[in-house]
Amino acid sequence: MKIGFVGGTGYIGEGLSLRWAKKGHEIFIGSRNKEKAKRAFKKYNKKLGKGYKDKLNYGLNKDAILESELVVISLPAKVIKKALEDLKKHFRNEIVVSPVAPLYKSDNVFKCKNTCAALKIQDILPSSTKVVSAFHSVPASHLKDTEKNLNCDVVVCGDDENSKSTVKSLAEEIKGVRCLNGGPLSVSKLCESLTPLLINLSIRNELEDPSVKFIDFSD
């Protein structure tokens, strides 16, 4: 699959790019600054090794959209509106994945704004795109260590079942990930709140990048 990253130079962009490139997908690293994308491209290529050099490309964010079937929005929530308003003309009918959480810090605690990033993204983009939210509880630092078994669950939300199924399959290509159907895109707000919760738990309990694993007691 051709997978593009809008804002692909951050931790989650790095981790997903490396892991999916190793599975044979074609990855396009996008940035608003082409030189920054080029630096990330060189860094990721070095980590991947010679056998995967044909799996990576780089350019501007608009190029990442135009060259891809599935686009991951790996931007901070505070820049989403402006960035996507500028880029929306380049979208056609792609699956759009949102790991975005609208975080802010108050009284030394990370919190989630009373909004939903995934729904905001769907409102901005053309109706032909299919937005799916995922990866809110995956520790980015562990994600970019491609040898690490993540042993965590990823909750996927969206209004189009075929798109959710595609994202589920991609997520479960990552070592140790189980994907769970969270329901419609409106449920994304609950999933986005997992991100600040995990950050706060990490800080206050000296946990190293905690994630989420749901236990089934039915047995």
N, C-alpha and C. Protein backbone atom coordinates (compact mmCIF):
# COMPACT_ATOMS: atom_id res chain seq x y z
N MET A 1 0.83 -1.20 0.00
CA MET A 1 0.00 0.00 0.00
C MET A 1 0.87 1.25 0.00
N LYS A 2 0.41 2.30 -0.65
CA LYS A 2 1.10 3.59 -0.64
C LYS A 2 0.58 4.42 0.52
N ILE A 3 1.46 4.70 1.48
CA ILE A 3 1.08 5.38 2.72
C ILE A 3 1.85 6.69 2.84
N GLY A 4 1.12 7.79 2.98
CA GLY A 4 1.76 9.09 3.14
C GLY A 4 1.58 9.64 4.54
N PHE A 5 2.53 10.45 4.96
CA PHE A 5 2.48 11.07 6.29
C PHE A 5 2.51 12.58 6.15
N VAL A 6 1.44 13.23 6.58
CA VAL A 6 1.42 14.68 6.68
C VAL A 6 2.01 15.02 8.04
N GLY A 7 3.20 15.61 8.02
CA GLY A 7 3.93 15.81 9.27
C GLY A 7 4.64 14.53 9.68
N GLY A 8 5.35 13.93 8.74
CA GLY A 8 5.93 12.61 8.98
C GLY A 8 7.29 12.60 9.65
N THR A 9 7.71 13.76 10.19
CA THR A 9 9.05 13.84 10.76
C THR A 9 9.06 13.67 12.29
N GLY A 10 7.89 13.54 12.89
CA GLY A 10 7.81 13.36 14.34
C GLY A 10 7.93 11.90 14.75
N TYR A 11 7.79 11.64 16.05
CA TYR A 11 8.00 10.29 16.58
C TYR A 11 7.02 9.28 16.00
N ILE A 12 5.73 9.62 15.97
CA ILE A 12 4.77 8.62 15.49
C ILE A 12 4.92 8.41 13.98
N GLY A 13 5.27 9.48 13.26
CA GLY A 13 5.55 9.33 11.84
C GLY A 13 6.75 8.44 11.61
N GLU A 14 7.77 8.62 12.41
CA GLU A 14 8.97 7.79 12.29
C GLU A 14 8.66 6.32 12.57
N GLY A 15 7.97 6.07 13.68
CA GLY A 15 7.70 4.69 14.08
C GLY A 15 6.85 3.94 13.08
N LEU A 16 5.75 4.55 12.63
CA LEU A 16 4.88 3.89 11.67
C LEU A 16 5.56 3.74 10.32
N SER A 17 6.33 4.74 9.91
CA SER A 17 7.05 4.66 8.63
C SER A 17 8.01 3.48 8.63
N LEU A 18 8.81 3.38 9.67
CA LEU A 18 9.81 2.31 9.75
C LEU A 18 9.16 0.93 9.76
N ARG A 19 8.13 0.78 10.57
CA ARG A 19 7.51 -0.54 10.70
C ARG A 19 6.76 -0.95 9.43
N TRP A 20 6.07 -0.01 8.81
CA TRP A 20 5.32 -0.36 7.60
C TRP A 20 6.24 -0.52 6.40
N ALA A 21 7.33 0.23 6.34
CA ALA A 21 8.29 0.03 5.25
C ALA A 21 8.88 -1.38 5.32
N LYS A 22 9.14 -1.85 6.52
CA LYS A 22 9.68 -3.20 6.70
C LYS A 22 8.68 -4.27 6.29
N LYS A 23 7.41 -3.92 6.24
CA LYS A 23 6.39 -4.85 5.78
C LYS A 23 6.12 -4.74 4.28
N GLY A 24 6.91 -3.90 3.61
CA GLY A 24 6.81 -3.82 2.17
C GLY A 24 5.95 -2.70 1.62
N HIS A 25 5.42 -1.84 2.47
CA HIS A 25 4.60 -0.73 2.00
C HIS A 25 5.48 0.41 1.48
N GLU A 26 4.94 1.20 0.56
CA GLU A 26 5.65 2.36 0.03
C GLU A 26 5.29 3.57 0.89
N ILE A 27 6.29 4.20 1.46
CA ILE A 27 6.09 5.27 2.44
C ILE A 27 6.55 6.61 1.87
N PHE A 28 5.70 7.62 2.02
CA PHE A 28 6.04 8.98 1.59
C PHE A 28 6.02 9.88 2.82
N ILE A 29 7.19 10.44 3.15
CA ILE A 29 7.33 11.30 4.32
C ILE A 29 7.10 12.75 3.90
N GLY A 30 6.04 13.35 4.42
CA GLY A 30 5.72 14.72 4.07
C GLY A 30 6.05 15.70 5.19
N SER A 31 6.31 16.93 4.81
CA SER A 31 6.54 18.01 5.77
C SER A 31 6.23 19.32 5.05
N ARG A 32 5.97 20.37 5.81
CA ARG A 32 5.77 21.68 5.16
C ARG A 32 7.11 22.23 4.69
N ASN A 33 8.22 21.64 5.19
CA ASN A 33 9.57 22.03 4.82
C ASN A 33 10.26 20.84 4.16
N LYS A 34 10.57 20.96 2.88
CA LYS A 34 11.12 19.83 2.15
C LYS A 34 12.47 19.38 2.69
N GLU A 35 13.29 20.31 3.15
CA GLU A 35 14.59 19.94 3.71
C GLU A 35 14.43 19.12 4.99
N LYS A 36 13.42 19.47 5.78
CA LYS A 36 13.15 18.70 7.00
C LYS A 36 12.71 17.29 6.64
N ALA A 37 11.88 17.16 5.62
CA ALA A 37 11.47 15.84 5.15
C ALA A 37 12.66 15.04 4.64
N LYS A 38 13.58 15.72 3.96
CA LYS A 38 14.77 15.04 3.44
C LYS A 38 15.64 14.52 4.58
N ARG A 39 15.77 15.31 5.66
CA ARG A 39 16.57 14.85 6.81
C ARG A 39 15.93 13.63 7.44
N ALA A 40 14.61 13.65 7.57
CA ALA A 40 13.91 12.48 8.13
C ALA A 40 14.08 11.27 7.21
N PHE A 41 13.98 11.49 5.91
CA PHE A 41 14.16 10.43 4.91
C PHE A 41 15.53 9.76 5.08
N LYS A 42 16.57 10.55 5.22
CA LYS A 42 17.92 10.00 5.39
C LYS A 42 18.04 9.24 6.71
N LYS A 43 17.45 9.79 7.75
CA LYS A 43 17.49 9.13 9.06
C LYS A 43 16.77 7.79 9.02
N TYR A 44 15.57 7.75 8.44
CA TYR A 44 14.79 6.52 8.39
C TYR A 44 15.47 5.48 7.50
N ASN A 45 16.05 5.94 6.38
CA ASN A 45 16.75 5.03 5.49
C ASN A 45 17.93 4.37 6.19
N LYS A 46 18.63 5.15 6.98
CA LYS A 46 19.77 4.62 7.72
C LYS A 46 19.33 3.54 8.70
N LYS A 47 18.21 3.78 9.36
CA LYS A 47 17.69 2.80 10.31
C LYS A 47 17.21 1.54 9.62
N LEU A 48 16.61 1.69 8.45
CA LEU A 48 16.06 0.55 7.73
C LEU A 48 17.13 -0.33 7.12
N GLY A 49 18.20 0.28 6.62
CA GLY A 49 19.24 -0.49 5.95
C GLY A 49 19.01 -0.57 4.45
N LYS A 50 19.97 -1.15 3.76
CA LYS A 50 19.99 -1.13 2.29
C LYS A 50 18.80 -1.86 1.67
N GLY A 51 18.27 -2.86 2.31
CA GLY A 51 17.22 -3.66 1.71
C GLY A 51 15.89 -2.95 1.54
N TYR A 52 15.75 -1.75 2.11
CA TYR A 52 14.46 -1.07 2.08
C TYR A 52 14.53 0.32 1.45
N LYS A 53 15.62 0.63 0.78
CA LYS A 53 15.83 1.99 0.25
C LYS A 53 14.77 2.39 -0.77
N ASP A 54 14.19 1.43 -1.46
CA ASP A 54 13.17 1.76 -2.45
C ASP A 54 11.78 1.94 -1.84
N LYS A 55 11.67 1.78 -0.52
CA LYS A 55 10.36 1.87 0.14
C LYS A 55 10.05 3.27 0.65
N LEU A 56 11.03 4.17 0.63
CA LEU A 56 10.83 5.51 1.19
C LEU A 56 10.96 6.59 0.13
N ASN A 57 10.14 7.63 0.28
CA ASN A 57 10.26 8.83 -0.53
C ASN A 57 9.94 10.01 0.38
N TYR A 58 10.17 11.22 -0.09
CA TYR A 58 9.91 12.39 0.75
C TYR A 58 9.54 13.58 -0.12
N GLY A 59 8.97 14.58 0.53
CA GLY A 59 8.60 15.81 -0.17
C GLY A 59 7.73 16.67 0.72
N LEU A 60 6.98 17.55 0.12
CA LEU A 60 6.07 18.41 0.85
C LEU A 60 4.82 17.62 1.26
N ASN A 61 4.08 18.17 2.20
CA ASN A 61 2.86 17.48 2.66
C ASN A 61 1.88 17.22 1.51
N LYS A 62 1.76 18.16 0.59
CA LYS A 62 0.83 17.96 -0.53
C LYS A 62 1.27 16.78 -1.40
N ASP A 63 2.56 16.57 -1.53
CA ASP A 63 3.08 15.44 -2.31
C ASP A 63 2.75 14.12 -1.63
N ALA A 64 2.85 14.12 -0.30
CA ALA A 64 2.52 12.91 0.46
C ALA A 64 1.07 12.51 0.25
N ILE A 65 0.20 13.49 0.15
CA ILE A 65 -1.23 13.23 -0.10
C ILE A 65 -1.44 12.70 -1.52
N LEU A 66 -0.87 13.39 -2.48
CA LEU A 66 -1.10 13.06 -3.89
C LEU A 66 -0.52 11.70 -4.27
N GLU A 67 0.52 11.26 -3.56
CA GLU A 67 1.19 10.00 -3.90
C GLU A 67 0.66 8.81 -3.13
N SER A 68 -0.38 8.98 -2.33
CA SER A 68 -0.76 7.92 -1.38
C SER A 68 -2.22 7.51 -1.47
N GLU A 69 -2.47 6.27 -1.03
CA GLU A 69 -3.83 5.74 -0.90
C GLU A 69 -4.38 5.96 0.50
N LEU A 70 -3.47 5.98 1.46
CA LEU A 70 -3.81 6.19 2.86
C LEU A 70 -2.88 7.25 3.41
N VAL A 71 -3.45 8.22 4.13
CA VAL A 71 -2.68 9.35 4.65
C VAL A 71 -2.82 9.42 6.17
N VAL A 72 -1.69 9.47 6.86
CA VAL A 72 -1.67 9.61 8.32
C VAL A 72 -1.42 11.08 8.65
N ILE A 73 -2.30 11.66 9.45
CA ILE A 73 -2.14 13.05 9.88
C ILE A 73 -1.38 13.05 11.20
N SER A 74 -0.08 13.24 11.12
CA SER A 74 0.73 13.21 12.35
C SER A 74 1.24 14.61 12.67
N LEU A 75 0.27 15.49 12.92
CA LEU A 75 0.53 16.88 13.25
C LEU A 75 0.00 17.19 14.66
N PRO A 76 0.56 18.19 15.34
CA PRO A 76 -0.04 18.64 16.61
C PRO A 76 -1.45 19.17 16.38
N ALA A 77 -2.32 18.95 17.34
CA ALA A 77 -3.72 19.36 17.20
C ALA A 77 -3.86 20.86 16.95
N LYS A 78 -2.97 21.66 17.52
CA LYS A 78 -3.13 23.12 17.42
C LYS A 78 -2.91 23.65 16.01
N VAL A 79 -2.27 22.86 15.13
CA VAL A 79 -2.03 23.35 13.76
C VAL A 79 -2.92 22.66 12.73
N ILE A 80 -3.76 21.73 13.19
CA ILE A 80 -4.57 20.92 12.28
C ILE A 80 -5.45 21.78 11.38
N LYS A 81 -6.19 22.70 11.96
CA LYS A 81 -7.16 23.46 11.17
C LYS A 81 -6.49 24.23 10.04
N LYS A 82 -5.46 25.00 10.37
CA LYS A 82 -4.79 25.80 9.34
C LYS A 82 -4.12 24.91 8.30
N ALA A 83 -3.43 23.87 8.77
CA ALA A 83 -2.69 23.00 7.85
C ALA A 83 -3.64 22.30 6.87
N LEU A 84 -4.73 21.76 7.38
CA LEU A 84 -5.64 21.01 6.51
C LEU A 84 -6.50 21.91 5.63
N GLU A 85 -6.79 23.12 6.09
CA GLU A 85 -7.49 24.07 5.23
C GLU A 85 -6.64 24.37 3.99
N ASP A 86 -5.33 24.45 4.19
CA ASP A 86 -4.42 24.71 3.08
C ASP A 86 -4.25 23.48 2.18
N LEU A 87 -4.38 22.29 2.75
CA LEU A 87 -4.09 21.05 2.03
C LEU A 87 -5.31 20.32 1.48
N LYS A 88 -6.50 20.72 1.91
CA LYS A 88 -7.69 19.91 1.60
C LYS A 88 -7.95 19.76 0.10
N LYS A 89 -7.50 20.73 -0.69
CA LYS A 89 -7.72 20.65 -2.15
C LYS A 89 -6.97 19.50 -2.80
N HIS A 90 -5.98 18.95 -2.08
CA HIS A 90 -5.18 17.86 -2.64
C HIS A 90 -5.76 16.47 -2.32
N PHE A 91 -6.72 16.42 -1.42
CA PHE A 91 -7.33 15.14 -1.06
C PHE A 91 -8.39 14.75 -2.07
N ARG A 92 -8.53 13.42 -2.29
CA ARG A 92 -9.53 12.91 -3.21
C ARG A 92 -10.44 11.93 -2.45
N ASN A 93 -10.04 10.67 -2.40
CA ASN A 93 -10.86 9.66 -1.71
C ASN A 93 -10.01 8.76 -0.83
N GLU A 94 -8.95 9.33 -0.25
CA GLU A 94 -8.03 8.56 0.57
C GLU A 94 -8.65 8.15 1.91
N ILE A 95 -8.12 7.09 2.49
CA ILE A 95 -8.34 6.80 3.90
C ILE A 95 -7.41 7.72 4.67
N VAL A 96 -7.94 8.42 5.66
CA VAL A 96 -7.15 9.36 6.45
C VAL A 96 -7.13 8.89 7.90
N VAL A 97 -5.95 8.64 8.42
CA VAL A 97 -5.79 8.13 9.78
C VAL A 97 -5.39 9.26 10.71
N SER A 98 -6.14 9.38 11.82
CA SER A 98 -5.85 10.42 12.81
C SER A 98 -5.42 9.81 14.14
N PRO A 99 -4.13 9.96 14.49
CA PRO A 99 -3.68 9.63 15.84
C PRO A 99 -3.64 10.88 16.73
N VAL A 100 -4.27 11.96 16.25
CA VAL A 100 -4.17 13.28 16.89
C VAL A 100 -4.98 13.33 18.18
N ALA A 101 -4.40 13.91 19.22
CA ALA A 101 -5.11 14.16 20.48
C ALA A 101 -4.99 15.64 20.81
N PRO A 102 -6.11 16.33 21.06
CA PRO A 102 -6.07 17.77 21.34
C PRO A 102 -5.62 18.06 22.77
N LEU A 103 -4.32 17.94 23.00
CA LEU A 103 -3.75 18.07 24.34
C LEU A 103 -3.53 19.52 24.75
N TYR A 104 -3.57 19.74 26.04
CA TYR A 104 -3.06 20.99 26.60
C TYR A 104 -2.64 20.71 28.05
N LYS A 105 -1.85 21.61 28.61
CA LYS A 105 -1.34 21.41 29.97
C LYS A 105 -1.88 22.51 30.87
N SER A 106 -2.43 22.11 32.01
CA SER A 106 -2.99 23.05 32.98
C SER A 106 -2.72 22.54 34.39
N ASP A 107 -2.21 23.42 35.26
CA ASP A 107 -1.89 23.04 36.65
C ASP A 107 -1.00 21.80 36.69
N ASN A 108 -0.02 21.77 35.76
CA ASN A 108 0.95 20.69 35.70
C ASN A 108 0.33 19.33 35.39
N VAL A 109 -0.82 19.35 34.74
CA VAL A 109 -1.49 18.12 34.34
C VAL A 109 -1.84 18.21 32.86
N PHE A 110 -1.61 17.14 32.12
CA PHE A 110 -2.01 17.09 30.72
C PHE A 110 -3.49 16.73 30.63
N LYS A 111 -4.20 17.50 29.81
CA LYS A 111 -5.64 17.29 29.66
C LYS A 111 -6.00 17.27 28.18
N CYS A 112 -7.24 16.86 27.91
CA CYS A 112 -7.75 16.82 26.54
C CYS A 112 -8.82 17.91 26.40
N LYS A 113 -8.72 18.70 25.36
CA LYS A 113 -9.72 19.74 25.14
C LYS A 113 -11.09 19.12 24.87
N ASN A 114 -12.13 19.89 25.14
CA ASN A 114 -13.50 19.41 24.95
C ASN A 114 -13.89 19.49 23.47
N THR A 115 -13.14 18.75 22.69
CA THR A 115 -13.37 18.70 21.24
C THR A 115 -12.87 17.36 20.75
N CYS A 116 -13.08 17.06 19.48
CA CYS A 116 -12.64 15.78 18.91
C CYS A 116 -11.83 16.08 17.66
N ALA A 117 -10.55 15.74 17.69
CA ALA A 117 -9.68 16.03 16.55
C ALA A 117 -10.12 15.28 15.30
N ALA A 118 -10.51 14.02 15.46
CA ALA A 118 -10.90 13.21 14.29
C ALA A 118 -12.12 13.79 13.59
N LEU A 119 -13.12 14.22 14.38
CA LEU A 119 -14.31 14.82 13.78
C LEU A 119 -13.99 16.16 13.12
N LYS A 120 -13.07 16.91 13.72
CA LYS A 120 -12.66 18.18 13.12
C LYS A 120 -11.98 17.94 11.77
N ILE A 121 -11.14 16.91 11.72
CA ILE A 121 -10.46 16.57 10.46
C ILE A 121 -11.48 16.18 9.39
N GLN A 122 -12.47 15.36 9.78
CA GLN A 122 -13.49 14.95 8.81
C GLN A 122 -14.31 16.14 8.32
N ASP A 123 -14.57 17.10 9.21
CA ASP A 123 -15.33 18.29 8.82
C ASP A 123 -14.57 19.15 7.80
N ILE A 124 -13.24 19.20 7.94
CA ILE A 124 -12.43 20.04 7.06
C ILE A 124 -12.23 19.39 5.69
N LEU A 125 -11.99 18.08 5.68
CA LEU A 125 -11.62 17.40 4.44
C LEU A 125 -12.85 17.10 3.58
N PRO A 126 -12.65 16.83 2.29
CA PRO A 126 -13.77 16.48 1.41
C PRO A 126 -14.52 15.25 1.93
N SER A 127 -15.81 15.19 1.66
CA SER A 127 -16.63 14.08 2.15
C SER A 127 -16.22 12.75 1.52
N SER A 128 -15.46 12.79 0.43
CA SER A 128 -15.01 11.56 -0.23
C SER A 128 -13.90 10.86 0.55
N THR A 129 -13.25 11.57 1.48
CA THR A 129 -12.23 10.93 2.31
C THR A 129 -12.91 10.18 3.45
N LYS A 130 -12.24 9.14 3.94
CA LYS A 130 -12.76 8.33 5.04
C LYS A 130 -11.79 8.44 6.22
N VAL A 131 -12.19 9.16 7.25
CA VAL A 131 -11.33 9.38 8.41
C VAL A 131 -11.50 8.24 9.41
N VAL A 132 -10.37 7.72 9.87
CA VAL A 132 -10.33 6.66 10.87
C VAL A 132 -9.38 7.11 11.97
N SER A 133 -9.79 7.02 13.22
CA SER A 133 -8.88 7.38 14.31
C SER A 133 -8.25 6.12 14.89
N ALA A 134 -6.97 6.23 15.26
CA ALA A 134 -6.24 5.06 15.77
C ALA A 134 -4.91 5.51 16.38
N PHE A 135 -4.28 4.62 17.13
CA PHE A 135 -2.92 4.77 17.66
C PHE A 135 -2.78 5.78 18.80
N HIS A 136 -3.87 6.12 19.48
CA HIS A 136 -3.77 7.10 20.57
C HIS A 136 -3.09 6.56 21.82
N SER A 137 -3.04 5.25 21.95
CA SER A 137 -2.46 4.67 23.17
C SER A 137 -1.16 3.92 22.91
N VAL A 138 -0.55 4.17 21.75
CA VAL A 138 0.71 3.50 21.41
C VAL A 138 1.88 4.41 21.77
N PRO A 139 2.82 3.95 22.60
CA PRO A 139 3.97 4.79 22.97
C PRO A 139 4.89 5.01 21.77
N ALA A 140 5.05 6.26 21.36
CA ALA A 140 5.80 6.58 20.14
C ALA A 140 7.26 6.15 20.24
N SER A 141 7.86 6.27 21.42
CA SER A 141 9.27 5.91 21.56
C SER A 141 9.49 4.42 21.34
N HIS A 142 8.52 3.60 21.73
CA HIS A 142 8.61 2.16 21.50
C HIS A 142 8.25 1.81 20.06
N LEU A 143 7.38 2.60 19.48
CA LEU A 143 6.95 2.34 18.10
C LEU A 143 8.13 2.42 17.14
N LYS A 144 9.04 3.37 17.37
CA LYS A 144 10.15 3.55 16.44
C LYS A 144 11.28 2.54 16.66
N ASP A 145 11.21 1.76 17.73
CA ASP A 145 12.13 0.64 17.92
C ASP A 145 11.51 -0.58 17.26
N THR A 146 11.86 -0.83 16.02
CA THR A 146 11.15 -1.82 15.20
C THR A 146 11.33 -3.25 15.69
N GLU A 147 12.28 -3.47 16.58
CA GLU A 147 12.47 -4.83 17.12
C GLU A 147 11.61 -5.07 18.36
N LYS A 148 11.01 -4.03 18.88
CA LYS A 148 10.25 -4.16 20.13
C LYS A 148 8.85 -4.70 19.87
N ASN A 149 8.44 -5.68 20.68
CA ASN A 149 7.07 -6.18 20.68
C ASN A 149 6.23 -5.23 21.53
N LEU A 150 5.27 -4.56 20.93
CA LEU A 150 4.54 -3.52 21.66
C LEU A 150 3.56 -4.08 22.69
N ASN A 151 3.00 -5.26 22.45
CA ASN A 151 2.08 -5.90 23.39
C ASN A 151 1.02 -4.92 23.89
N CYS A 152 0.29 -4.32 22.95
CA CYS A 152 -0.73 -3.36 23.34
C CYS A 152 -1.91 -3.45 22.38
N ASP A 153 -3.00 -2.81 22.76
CA ASP A 153 -4.19 -2.74 21.92
C ASP A 153 -4.30 -1.37 21.27
N VAL A 154 -4.82 -1.37 20.06
CA VAL A 154 -5.12 -0.13 19.34
C VAL A 154 -6.62 -0.11 19.05
N VAL A 155 -7.28 0.94 19.50
CA VAL A 155 -8.72 1.09 19.24
C VAL A 155 -8.90 1.92 17.97
N VAL A 156 -9.71 1.39 17.06
CA VAL A 156 -9.94 2.04 15.77
C VAL A 156 -11.40 2.49 15.69
N CYS A 157 -11.62 3.75 15.34
CA CYS A 157 -12.98 4.30 15.21
C CYS A 157 -13.15 4.91 13.83
N GLY A 158 -14.35 4.75 13.27
CA GLY A 158 -14.63 5.33 11.97
C GLY A 158 -16.03 4.98 11.52
N ASP A 159 -16.51 5.71 10.53
CA ASP A 159 -17.87 5.50 10.04
C ASP A 159 -17.93 4.61 8.80
N ASP A 160 -16.76 4.28 8.24
CA ASP A 160 -16.72 3.42 7.06
C ASP A 160 -16.02 2.11 7.44
N GLU A 161 -16.76 1.01 7.38
CA GLU A 161 -16.24 -0.27 7.88
C GLU A 161 -15.07 -0.78 7.03
N ASN A 162 -15.10 -0.56 5.73
CA ASN A 162 -13.99 -1.02 4.89
C ASN A 162 -12.69 -0.29 5.22
N SER A 163 -12.80 1.00 5.48
CA SER A 163 -11.61 1.78 5.85
C SER A 163 -11.08 1.35 7.21
N LYS A 164 -11.98 1.10 8.15
CA LYS A 164 -11.56 0.61 9.46
C LYS A 164 -10.85 -0.74 9.33
N SER A 165 -11.36 -1.59 8.46
CA SER A 165 -10.76 -2.90 8.25
C SER A 165 -9.34 -2.76 7.69
N THR A 166 -9.15 -1.82 6.78
CA THR A 166 -7.82 -1.58 6.21
C THR A 166 -6.85 -1.12 7.29
N VAL A 167 -7.29 -0.17 8.12
CA VAL A 167 -6.42 0.33 9.20
C VAL A 167 -6.15 -0.77 10.21
N LYS A 168 -7.15 -1.58 10.51
CA LYS A 168 -6.96 -2.70 11.44
C LYS A 168 -5.88 -3.64 10.92
N SER A 169 -5.93 -3.97 9.65
CA SER A 169 -4.94 -4.88 9.06
C SER A 169 -3.54 -4.28 9.14
N LEU A 170 -3.42 -2.98 8.86
CA LEU A 170 -2.13 -2.31 8.93
C LEU A 170 -1.59 -2.28 10.37
N ALA A 171 -2.48 -1.96 11.30
CA ALA A 171 -2.06 -1.90 12.71
C ALA A 171 -1.56 -3.25 13.19
N GLU A 172 -2.22 -4.32 12.77
CA GLU A 172 -1.86 -5.65 13.26
C GLU A 172 -0.64 -6.23 12.54
N GLU A 173 -0.12 -5.50 11.55
CA GLU A 173 1.18 -5.86 11.00
C GLU A 173 2.32 -5.48 11.94
N ILE A 174 2.01 -4.61 12.89
CA ILE A 174 3.00 -4.17 13.87
C ILE A 174 3.10 -5.21 14.98
N LYS A 175 4.30 -5.59 15.28
CA LYS A 175 4.54 -6.68 16.24
C LYS A 175 3.90 -6.39 17.60
N GLY A 176 3.02 -7.30 18.04
CA GLY A 176 2.44 -7.19 19.36
C GLY A 176 1.18 -6.35 19.45
N VAL A 177 0.67 -5.87 18.33
CA VAL A 177 -0.53 -5.01 18.35
C VAL A 177 -1.78 -5.84 18.05
N ARG A 178 -2.79 -5.66 18.89
CA ARG A 178 -4.12 -6.18 18.61
C ARG A 178 -5.02 -4.98 18.37
N CYS A 179 -5.86 -5.07 17.35
CA CYS A 179 -6.72 -3.95 16.99
C CYS A 179 -8.15 -4.24 17.40
N LEU A 180 -8.81 -3.27 18.03
CA LEU A 180 -10.19 -3.42 18.48
C LEU A 180 -11.07 -2.36 17.82
N ASN A 181 -12.27 -2.78 17.44
CA ASN A 181 -13.24 -1.88 16.82
C ASN A 181 -13.92 -1.04 17.89
N GLY A 182 -13.65 0.27 17.86
CA GLY A 182 -14.21 1.15 18.88
C GLY A 182 -15.57 1.72 18.53
N GLY A 183 -16.01 1.54 17.27
CA GLY A 183 -17.30 2.06 16.86
C GLY A 183 -17.16 3.23 15.91
N PRO A 184 -18.17 4.09 15.84
CA PRO A 184 -18.17 5.21 14.88
C PRO A 184 -17.12 6.27 15.23
N LEU A 185 -16.92 7.18 14.29
CA LEU A 185 -15.88 8.21 14.47
C LEU A 185 -16.14 9.09 15.69
N SER A 186 -17.41 9.24 16.06
CA SER A 186 -17.75 10.09 17.21
C SER A 186 -17.17 9.56 18.52
N VAL A 187 -16.83 8.27 18.57
CA VAL A 187 -16.24 7.68 19.78
C VAL A 187 -14.76 8.09 19.91
N SER A 188 -14.19 8.64 18.87
CA SER A 188 -12.77 9.01 18.86
C SER A 188 -12.41 9.92 20.03
N LYS A 189 -13.34 10.76 20.44
CA LYS A 189 -13.06 11.69 21.55
C LYS A 189 -12.62 10.93 22.80
N LEU A 190 -13.25 9.79 23.06
CA LEU A 190 -12.88 8.97 24.22
C LEU A 190 -11.48 8.41 24.05
N CYS A 191 -11.17 7.96 22.83
CA CYS A 191 -9.84 7.39 22.56
C CYS A 191 -8.76 8.46 22.65
N GLU A 192 -9.05 9.66 22.17
CA GLU A 192 -8.07 10.74 22.22
C GLU A 192 -7.70 11.10 23.65
N SER A 193 -8.65 10.92 24.57
CA SER A 193 -8.36 11.23 25.98
C SER A 193 -7.41 10.23 26.62
N LEU A 194 -7.19 9.08 25.97
CA LEU A 194 -6.22 8.11 26.49
C LEU A 194 -4.80 8.68 26.47
N THR A 195 -4.51 9.51 25.48
CA THR A 195 -3.15 10.03 25.34
C THR A 195 -2.71 10.85 26.55
N PRO A 196 -3.46 11.88 26.98
CA PRO A 196 -3.03 12.61 28.17
C PRO A 196 -3.06 11.75 29.43
N LEU A 197 -4.02 10.83 29.52
CA LEU A 197 -4.07 9.94 30.68
C LEU A 197 -2.77 9.15 30.80
N LEU A 198 -2.30 8.57 29.71
CA LEU A 198 -1.08 7.77 29.74
C LEU A 198 0.15 8.62 30.04
N ILE A 199 0.18 9.85 29.52
CA ILE A 199 1.30 10.75 29.83
C ILE A 199 1.33 11.06 31.32
N ASN A 200 0.16 11.37 31.90
CA ASN A 200 0.10 11.68 33.34
C ASN A 200 0.50 10.48 34.19
N LEU A 201 0.04 9.30 33.80
CA LEU A 201 0.41 8.09 34.53
C LEU A 201 1.92 7.86 34.48
N SER A 202 2.49 8.11 33.33
CA SER A 202 3.92 7.93 33.16
C SER A 202 4.71 8.85 34.08
N ILE A 203 4.31 10.13 34.13
CA ILE A 203 5.02 11.12 34.94
C ILE A 203 4.89 10.83 36.42
N ARG A 204 3.68 10.53 36.87
CA ARG A 204 3.42 10.41 38.30
C ARG A 204 3.81 9.06 38.89
N ASN A 205 3.94 8.08 38.05
CA ASN A 205 4.26 6.73 38.55
C ASN A 205 5.58 6.19 38.03
N GLU A 206 6.34 7.06 37.37
CA GLU A 206 7.64 6.69 36.81
C GLU A 206 7.53 5.43 35.94
N LEU A 207 6.50 5.42 35.10
CA LEU A 207 6.32 4.33 34.15
C LEU A 207 6.99 4.71 32.84
N GLU A 208 7.60 3.75 32.20
CA GLU A 208 8.26 4.02 30.93
C GLU A 208 7.28 3.82 29.78
N ASP A 209 6.71 4.92 29.31
CA ASP A 209 5.81 4.90 28.15
C ASP A 209 4.74 3.82 28.24
N PRO A 210 3.79 3.96 29.17
CA PRO A 210 2.73 2.96 29.30
C PRO A 210 1.81 2.94 28.09
N SER A 211 1.18 1.80 27.86
CA SER A 211 0.20 1.66 26.79
C SER A 211 -1.04 0.99 27.38
N VAL A 212 -1.95 0.55 26.53
CA VAL A 212 -3.21 -0.03 26.99
C VAL A 212 -3.36 -1.45 26.46
N LYS A 213 -3.77 -2.34 27.36
CA LYS A 213 -4.10 -3.73 26.97
C LYS A 213 -5.40 -4.09 27.67
N PHE A 214 -6.44 -4.40 26.89
CA PHE A 214 -7.73 -4.76 27.47
C PHE A 214 -7.78 -6.27 27.72
N ILE A 215 -8.24 -6.65 28.89
CA ILE A 215 -8.28 -8.06 29.28
C ILE A 215 -9.69 -8.60 29.11
N ASP A 216 -9.78 -9.75 28.48
CA ASP A 216 -11.07 -10.43 28.27
C ASP A 216 -11.18 -11.55 29.31
N PHE A 217 -12.14 -11.43 30.22
CA PHE A 217 -12.31 -12.42 31.27
C PHE A 217 -13.35 -13.50 30.91
N SER A 218 -13.76 -13.53 29.66
CA SER A 218 -14.82 -14.45 29.28
C SER A 218 -14.42 -15.92 29.41
N ASP A 219 -13.11 -16.18 29.38
CA ASP A 219 -12.66 -17.57 29.55
C ASP A 219 -12.66 -17.98 31.01
